[in-house]
Protein backbone atom coordinates (compact mmCIF):
# COMPACT_ATOMS: atom_id res chain seq x y z
CA UNK A 1 -39.24 -38.62 26.60
CA UNK A 2 -40.58 -41.80 27.98
CA UNK A 3 -38.70 -43.79 31.15
CA UNK A 4 -36.64 -45.64 28.84
CA UNK A 5 -35.11 -42.77 27.07
CA UNK A 6 -34.82 -41.17 30.71
CA UNK A 7 -32.98 -43.91 32.00
CA UNK A 8 -30.98 -44.00 28.99
CA UNK A 9 -29.89 -40.45 29.68
CA UNK A 10 -28.99 -40.93 32.89
CA UNK A 11 -26.55 -43.84 32.23
CA UNK A 12 -25.20 -41.77 29.41
CA UNK A 13 -24.50 -38.88 32.01
CA UNK A 14 -23.19 -41.51 34.57
CA UNK A 15 -20.76 -42.77 31.84
CA UNK A 16 -19.08 -39.56 31.38
CA UNK A 17 -18.70 -39.17 34.42
CA UNK A 18 -17.22 -42.25 35.06
CA UNK A 19 -14.99 -41.84 32.24
CA UNK A 20 -13.57 -39.06 33.73
CA UNK A 21 -13.05 -40.81 37.19
CA UNK A 22 -11.68 -43.60 35.15
CA UNK A 23 -8.80 -41.71 33.78
CA UNK A 24 -8.07 -40.48 37.32
CA UNK A 25 -7.87 -43.48 38.76
CA UNK A 26 -5.57 -44.85 35.99
CA UNK A 27 -3.35 -41.77 36.64
CA UNK A 28 -3.09 -43.01 40.20
CA UNK A 29 -2.24 -46.24 39.10
CA UNK A 30 0.54 -45.38 37.11
CA UNK A 31 2.01 -43.81 40.57
CA UNK A 32 1.13 -46.96 42.27
CA UNK A 33 3.15 -48.80 39.52
CA UNK A 34 6.10 -46.35 40.07
CA UNK A 35 6.15 -46.62 43.79
CA UNK A 36 5.85 -50.51 43.71
CA UNK A 37 8.69 -50.26 41.31
CA UNK A 38 11.17 -48.14 43.11
CA UNK A 39 10.32 -50.45 46.42
CA UNK A 40 10.66 -53.77 44.58
CA UNK A 41 6.84 -54.80 45.73
CA UNK A 42 4.81 -56.88 43.52
CA UNK A 43 1.85 -55.80 41.37
CA UNK A 44 -0.71 -58.06 43.12
CA UNK A 45 -1.40 -57.54 47.03
CA UNK A 46 -4.32 -59.89 47.93
CA UNK A 47 -4.49 -58.31 51.82
CA UNK A 48 -4.68 -54.65 50.08
CA UNK A 49 -7.32 -56.33 47.65
CA UNK A 50 -9.37 -57.89 50.60
CA UNK A 51 -9.62 -54.57 52.36
CA UNK A 52 -10.89 -52.57 49.56
CA UNK A 53 -13.52 -55.04 48.61
CA UNK A 54 -14.87 -55.20 52.40
CA UNK A 55 -15.05 -51.54 52.74
CA UNK A 56 -16.38 -51.26 49.35
CA UNK A 57 -19.35 -53.59 50.01
CA UNK A 58 -19.89 -51.57 53.04
CA UNK A 59 -21.18 -48.51 51.11
CA UNK A 60 -23.88 -50.34 49.26
CA UNK A 61 -26.65 -50.70 51.51
CA UNK A 62 -29.01 -52.72 49.18
CA UNK A 63 -28.08 -56.62 49.24
CA UNK A 64 -28.61 -57.20 45.80
CA UNK A 65 -27.00 -54.47 44.57
CA UNK A 66 -23.78 -54.93 46.73
CA UNK A 67 -22.87 -58.05 45.22
CA UNK A 68 -22.77 -56.38 41.82
CA UNK A 69 -20.98 -53.64 43.24
CA UNK A 70 -18.10 -55.92 44.88
CA UNK A 71 -17.74 -57.47 41.44
CA UNK A 72 -17.54 -53.88 39.42
CA UNK A 73 -14.56 -52.99 42.21
CA UNK A 74 -12.68 -56.20 41.40
CA UNK A 75 -12.96 -55.69 37.49
CA UNK A 76 -11.70 -52.12 38.44
CA UNK A 77 -8.74 -53.64 40.34
CA UNK A 78 -7.83 -56.14 37.36
CA UNK A 79 -7.93 -53.46 34.99
CA UNK A 80 -5.38 -51.59 37.13
CA UNK A 81 -2.90 -54.30 37.51
CA UNK A 82 -2.75 -55.27 33.92
CA UNK A 83 -2.37 -51.56 33.12
CA UNK A 84 0.28 -51.52 36.27
CA UNK A 85 1.68 -54.73 34.30
CA UNK A 86 2.39 -52.76 30.89
CA UNK A 87 4.51 -50.12 32.89
CA UNK A 88 6.51 -52.88 34.68
CA UNK A 89 7.28 -54.85 31.68
CA UNK A 90 10.82 -53.00 31.58
CA UNK A 91 11.48 -54.02 35.36
CA UNK A 92 14.64 -55.89 35.83
CA UNK A 93 14.77 -57.88 38.91
CA UNK A 94 18.19 -59.37 39.86
CA UNK A 95 18.67 -62.69 41.33
CA UNK A 96 21.69 -64.82 41.86
CA UNK A 97 22.33 -68.26 39.32
CA UNK A 98 21.10 -68.84 35.80
CA UNK A 99 17.73 -69.95 34.41
CA UNK A 100 16.48 -72.77 36.40
CA UNK A 101 18.30 -71.71 39.51
CA UNK A 102 16.09 -71.48 42.88
CA UNK A 103 16.21 -67.89 43.04
CA UNK A 104 15.06 -67.81 39.20
CA UNK A 105 11.99 -69.86 40.16
CA UNK A 106 11.30 -67.71 43.56
CA UNK A 107 11.77 -64.42 41.44
CA UNK A 108 9.53 -65.69 38.54
CA UNK A 109 6.81 -66.53 41.12
CA UNK A 110 7.16 -62.99 42.74
CA UNK A 111 7.68 -61.10 39.57
CA UNK A 112 5.95 -62.82 36.45
CA UNK A 113 5.81 -59.91 34.08
CA UNK A 114 9.13 -58.29 34.49
CA UNK A 115 12.89 -58.96 33.12
CA UNK A 116 14.68 -61.79 35.09
CA UNK A 117 18.51 -61.32 35.32
CA UNK A 118 20.63 -63.52 36.34
CA UNK A 119 24.11 -62.86 38.63
CA UNK A 120 26.89 -64.95 39.00
CA UNK A 121 26.63 -64.51 43.00
CA UNK A 122 24.48 -63.17 45.78
CA UNK A 123 26.87 -60.02 45.79
CA UNK A 124 26.50 -59.25 42.15
CA UNK A 125 22.67 -59.18 42.60
CA UNK A 126 22.95 -56.89 45.11
CA UNK A 127 25.32 -54.29 43.90
CA UNK A 128 23.04 -54.47 40.63
CA UNK A 129 20.33 -52.83 42.60
CA UNK A 130 22.95 -50.42 44.28
CA UNK A 131 24.11 -49.02 41.06
CA UNK A 132 20.66 -48.81 39.33
CA UNK A 133 20.84 -51.54 37.06
CA UNK A 134 18.24 -53.43 38.52
CA UNK A 135 14.81 -52.05 40.36
CA UNK A 136 15.09 -55.08 42.99
CA UNK A 137 16.92 -58.11 43.90
CA UNK A 138 15.36 -61.19 44.86
CA UNK A 139 18.19 -63.29 47.57
CA UNK A 140 17.39 -66.09 49.75
CA UNK A 141 17.14 -64.75 53.70
CA UNK A 142 16.99 -68.43 55.43
CA UNK A 143 16.21 -71.98 54.87
CA UNK A 144 13.81 -74.24 57.38
CA UNK A 145 16.79 -76.80 57.63
CA UNK A 146 19.91 -75.12 57.00
CA UNK A 147 19.10 -71.80 58.57
CA UNK A 148 20.33 -68.22 57.81
CA UNK A 149 22.28 -67.32 54.56
CA UNK A 150 25.14 -65.52 56.18
CA UNK A 151 26.34 -63.86 53.18
CA UNK A 152 22.85 -61.87 52.62
CA UNK A 153 22.75 -61.32 56.13
CA UNK A 154 26.19 -59.79 56.02
CA UNK A 155 25.06 -57.34 53.03
CA UNK A 156 21.88 -56.12 54.97
CA UNK A 157 24.25 -54.97 57.86
CA UNK A 158 26.79 -53.43 55.84
CA UNK A 159 24.97 -52.12 52.54
CA UNK A 160 22.16 -49.85 51.76
CA UNK A 161 19.34 -51.87 50.37
CA UNK A 162 15.91 -52.29 52.29
CA UNK A 163 13.83 -55.46 52.34
CA UNK A 164 10.30 -54.49 51.42
CA UNK A 165 8.79 -58.18 51.20
CA UNK A 166 9.43 -61.67 52.29
CA UNK A 167 8.26 -64.82 50.68
CA UNK A 168 8.03 -68.56 51.55
CA UNK A 169 9.07 -71.01 48.57
CA UNK A 170 8.68 -74.89 49.38
CA UNK A 171 11.73 -76.53 48.10
CA UNK A 172 12.11 -79.90 46.67
CA UNK A 173 15.87 -81.11 46.17
CA UNK A 174 16.59 -84.03 43.30
CA UNK A 175 19.48 -85.89 42.63
CA UNK A 176 20.26 -85.47 38.60
CA UNK A 177 22.88 -87.09 36.62
CA UNK A 178 23.65 -87.85 32.96
CA UNK A 179 21.39 -90.37 30.93
CA UNK A 180 22.56 -93.47 31.53
CA UNK A 181 24.22 -93.22 35.19
CA UNK A 182 22.88 -95.14 37.86
CA UNK A 183 23.26 -94.94 41.55
CA UNK A 184 26.08 -97.25 42.03
CA UNK A 185 27.86 -95.01 39.47
CA UNK A 186 28.12 -91.82 41.49
CA UNK A 187 30.76 -90.96 43.58
CA UNK A 188 30.79 -87.14 43.93
CA UNK A 189 27.95 -84.67 44.05
CA UNK A 190 28.16 -81.05 43.77
CA UNK A 191 25.69 -78.40 44.45
CA UNK A 192 25.09 -75.09 46.16
CA UNK A 193 26.19 -75.48 49.92
CA UNK A 194 22.96 -74.71 51.12
CA UNK A 195 21.48 -77.57 48.96
CA UNK A 196 24.45 -79.76 50.37
CA UNK A 197 23.31 -79.00 53.76
CA UNK A 198 19.51 -79.56 53.27
CA UNK A 199 20.66 -83.24 52.15
CA UNK A 200 23.66 -84.07 54.18
CA UNK A 201 22.11 -87.26 55.60
CA UNK A 202 21.24 -88.53 52.42
CA UNK A 203 24.55 -87.87 51.16
CA UNK A 204 26.21 -89.05 54.71
CA UNK A 205 23.81 -92.39 53.86
CA UNK A 206 25.65 -93.28 50.69
CA UNK A 207 29.25 -91.82 51.68
CA UNK A 208 29.74 -89.78 48.48
CA UNK A 209 32.17 -86.94 48.26
CA UNK A 210 30.70 -83.23 48.16
CA UNK A 211 31.32 -80.60 46.19
CA UNK A 212 30.44 -76.78 46.46
CA UNK A 213 29.35 -74.76 43.43
CA UNK A 214 27.85 -71.51 43.29
CA UNK A 215 24.70 -72.56 42.41
CA UNK A 216 22.18 -75.40 41.67
CA UNK A 217 21.52 -74.88 38.28
CA UNK A 218 25.02 -74.07 37.29
CA UNK A 219 26.11 -77.53 39.42
CA UNK A 220 23.66 -79.54 36.97
CA UNK A 221 25.05 -77.95 33.78
CA UNK A 222 28.47 -78.73 34.74
CA UNK A 223 27.49 -81.97 35.12
CA UNK A 224 25.99 -82.03 31.68
CA UNK A 225 28.94 -80.44 30.19
CA UNK A 226 31.58 -83.00 31.76
CA UNK A 227 29.65 -85.97 30.55
CA UNK A 228 31.16 -88.26 33.66
CA UNK A 229 28.87 -90.57 34.91
CA UNK A 230 30.36 -90.66 38.43
CA UNK A 231 29.25 -86.95 39.08
CA UNK A 232 25.62 -85.91 40.19
CA UNK A 233 24.34 -82.65 41.02
CA UNK A 234 21.58 -81.84 43.55
CA UNK A 235 19.04 -79.37 41.47
CA UNK A 236 15.69 -79.51 40.17
CA UNK A 237 13.35 -81.51 37.90
CA UNK A 238 13.00 -78.41 36.16
CA UNK A 239 16.76 -77.83 35.64
CA UNK A 240 17.19 -81.55 34.88
CA UNK A 241 14.80 -80.83 31.86
CA UNK A 242 16.75 -77.85 30.90
CA UNK A 243 20.06 -79.32 31.04
CA UNK A 244 18.99 -82.81 29.72
CA UNK A 245 19.98 -84.87 32.76
CA UNK A 246 17.88 -87.74 34.18
CA UNK A 247 16.50 -87.64 38.42
CA UNK A 248 18.08 -90.53 40.20
CA UNK A 249 16.03 -90.25 42.66
CA UNK A 250 13.20 -87.63 44.02
CA UNK A 251 12.98 -85.23 47.27
CA UNK A 252 16.66 -86.63 48.83
CA UNK A 253 16.35 -83.60 51.47
CA UNK A 254 15.73 -84.44 54.99
CA UNK A 255 13.06 -82.11 56.09
CA UNK A 256 9.65 -82.77 54.80
CA UNK A 257 8.80 -79.04 55.13
CA UNK A 258 12.13 -77.71 53.39
CA UNK A 259 11.16 -73.95 52.87
CA UNK A 260 13.38 -71.20 52.09
CA UNK A 261 12.57 -67.66 52.63
CA UNK A 262 13.33 -64.77 50.21
CA UNK A 263 13.68 -61.54 50.60
CA UNK A 264 12.91 -58.70 47.87
CA UNK A 265 15.58 -56.09 48.09
CA UNK A 266 15.44 -52.37 46.78
CA UNK A 267 16.94 -49.09 47.11
CA UNK A 268 14.04 -47.33 48.74
CA UNK A 269 12.36 -48.43 51.81
CA UNK A 270 8.52 -49.18 51.87
CA UNK A 271 7.18 -46.57 54.53
CA UNK A 272 3.57 -48.07 54.20
CA UNK A 273 4.30 -51.14 56.02
CA UNK A 274 5.60 -51.53 59.74
CA UNK A 275 2.52 -49.40 60.74
CA UNK A 276 -0.08 -51.68 62.14
CA UNK A 277 0.18 -55.06 64.54
CA UNK A 278 1.06 -57.99 62.00
CA UNK A 279 3.64 -56.12 60.15
CA UNK A 280 6.91 -57.59 60.58
CA UNK A 281 10.11 -55.38 60.32
CA UNK A 282 14.10 -56.18 60.49
CA UNK A 283 16.41 -54.65 62.99
CA UNK A 284 20.23 -54.75 63.02
CA UNK A 285 22.08 -53.41 65.74
CA UNK A 286 25.46 -53.95 67.50
CA UNK A 287 26.04 -53.49 71.41
CA UNK A 288 28.21 -51.76 73.41
CA UNK A 289 31.48 -53.72 74.91
CA UNK A 290 29.91 -53.96 78.10
CA UNK A 291 28.43 -56.30 80.71
CA UNK A 292 24.50 -56.55 79.91
CA UNK A 293 24.56 -54.58 76.96
CA UNK A 294 22.60 -57.41 74.97
CA UNK A 295 20.19 -58.02 77.98
CA UNK A 296 19.26 -54.52 78.06
CA UNK A 297 18.46 -53.69 74.28
CA UNK A 298 16.32 -57.10 74.26
CA UNK A 299 14.56 -55.90 77.89
CA UNK A 300 13.74 -52.53 75.47
CA UNK A 301 12.27 -54.31 72.78
CA UNK A 302 10.05 -56.44 75.14
CA UNK A 303 9.19 -53.42 77.21
CA UNK A 304 7.99 -51.11 74.11
CA UNK A 305 5.41 -54.43 73.43
CA UNK A 306 7.31 -55.77 70.54
CA UNK A 307 7.07 -59.47 69.84
CA UNK A 308 10.79 -60.70 68.90
CA UNK A 309 10.23 -63.69 66.28
CA UNK A 310 13.91 -64.10 65.33
CA UNK A 311 17.13 -63.06 67.16
CA UNK A 312 20.57 -64.71 65.97
CA UNK A 313 24.09 -62.96 65.82
CA UNK A 314 26.82 -62.46 62.98
CA UNK A 315 30.38 -62.00 63.40
CA UNK A 316 31.26 -58.69 62.04
CA UNK A 317 33.93 -58.56 59.26
CA UNK A 318 35.68 -55.56 60.22
CA UNK A 319 36.15 -56.05 64.06
CA UNK A 320 37.82 -59.22 65.12
CA UNK A 321 35.48 -61.06 67.73
CA UNK A 322 32.99 -58.70 67.39
CA UNK A 323 29.38 -59.42 66.54
CA UNK A 324 26.21 -57.70 65.52
CA UNK A 325 22.61 -58.78 66.19
CA UNK A 326 19.69 -59.73 63.51
CA UNK A 327 16.52 -59.25 64.98
CA UNK A 328 12.74 -59.76 63.14
CA UNK A 329 10.18 -58.13 65.24
CA UNK A 330 6.56 -57.94 65.07
CA UNK A 331 4.80 -54.88 65.73
CA UNK A 332 3.88 -50.94 64.57
CA UNK A 333 7.58 -49.91 64.19
CA UNK A 334 6.15 -46.41 63.14
CA UNK A 335 3.86 -45.59 66.19
CA UNK A 336 4.80 -43.89 69.40
CA UNK A 337 6.02 -47.07 70.72
CA UNK A 338 7.99 -47.68 67.63
CA UNK A 339 9.95 -44.40 67.88
CA UNK A 340 10.62 -44.64 71.22
CA UNK A 341 12.08 -48.27 71.47
CA UNK A 342 14.39 -46.80 68.12
CA UNK A 343 15.21 -43.91 70.41
CA UNK A 344 16.09 -46.02 73.46
CA UNK A 345 18.14 -48.69 71.25
CA UNK A 346 20.18 -45.77 69.81
CA UNK A 347 21.23 -44.77 73.07
CA UNK A 348 22.52 -47.81 74.46
CA UNK A 349 23.69 -49.35 71.11
CA UNK A 350 26.54 -48.22 68.77
CA UNK A 351 24.76 -49.07 65.86
CA UNK A 352 20.90 -49.52 65.05
CA UNK A 353 19.10 -50.12 61.39
CA UNK A 354 16.08 -50.76 60.17
CA UNK A 355 16.64 -53.25 57.37
CA UNK A 356 13.09 -53.11 55.94
CA UNK A 357 9.09 -53.96 57.02
CA UNK A 358 6.99 -56.79 55.17
CA UNK A 359 3.81 -58.54 55.76
CA UNK A 360 4.22 -61.72 57.26
CA UNK A 361 3.29 -65.26 55.93
CA UNK A 362 3.65 -64.82 52.25
CA UNK A 363 4.09 -68.20 50.27
CA UNK A 364 4.75 -68.58 46.50
CA UNK A 365 4.27 -71.29 44.31
CA UNK A 366 2.42 -74.67 45.29
CA UNK A 367 6.03 -76.25 45.46
CA UNK A 368 8.93 -74.94 44.07
CA UNK A 369 12.02 -77.09 42.88
CA UNK A 370 15.55 -75.18 43.97
């Protein structure tokens, strides 16, 4: 047997071994897909891929082979992602609104290969996940200029879903009207309360009446159906195309960096996050009605080394003039300090709930429209 035949024999043996390993790897990919579906996690995880490639490169000492091995690993991951997409094609993702709405765009960016299901409001989308009609829901948490979305925060406090991902979406607001309408024709502008708030200065400058609607895309649809040139909507360019409207003026929001954070809500908590510095988690708690109760809770958080990124209060719906607190913390929730912190908080608070963990600074899309 010459050298060529010997080499080909070795390659055939390795290929046979690799085929069995490939099957094992793809069987594990099925488990990964099921895990992600249960927790509302996207298929692509850039941080995880980077970590795998860096570890993989360290396994090969030959610098020439190292480059090819890294490419080999990347190809393996690409095949695995394609397989997971096939497995998750039946995954249903809930959002509030209709096609072209703010949340529809965000949900499509996060879950591009799934079925997106629109619901009339935040509560209905949340309930769809609770009842098992959808695997997860994509709901807005807060906007950089208009602040938190209180209804969603309240559901986090009272409901049973977990936030397993938070994504930042740059938002652009446009003024839409019927074809042929001019700015001088407009008397009333309708949109979602958050959109109206984000464009308040522009609307006040023109002195137009404001009318709230449940959704930006539905507001645009209403303008198209009513046929009244004096009524405009705040929505997106994509929505204008969808309903045959014209854009009277672009970028009417007051903030040049208008961004909305979306949370992905699912029935199962992602225990894989909150284990390392840099991970974030959401904590909701109520303090006892006594002097210094809130200060004591904050002191416990700081004493255990957790960086408090956000702190805000919300009125409780069940008790008049009582409040609960929403906190976003950075640190190792599931380590020794995290467990000790939660134990201490439970000793001085009436209620403590970890509402989910997520990795920070996940941006989606170049520039989305609301």
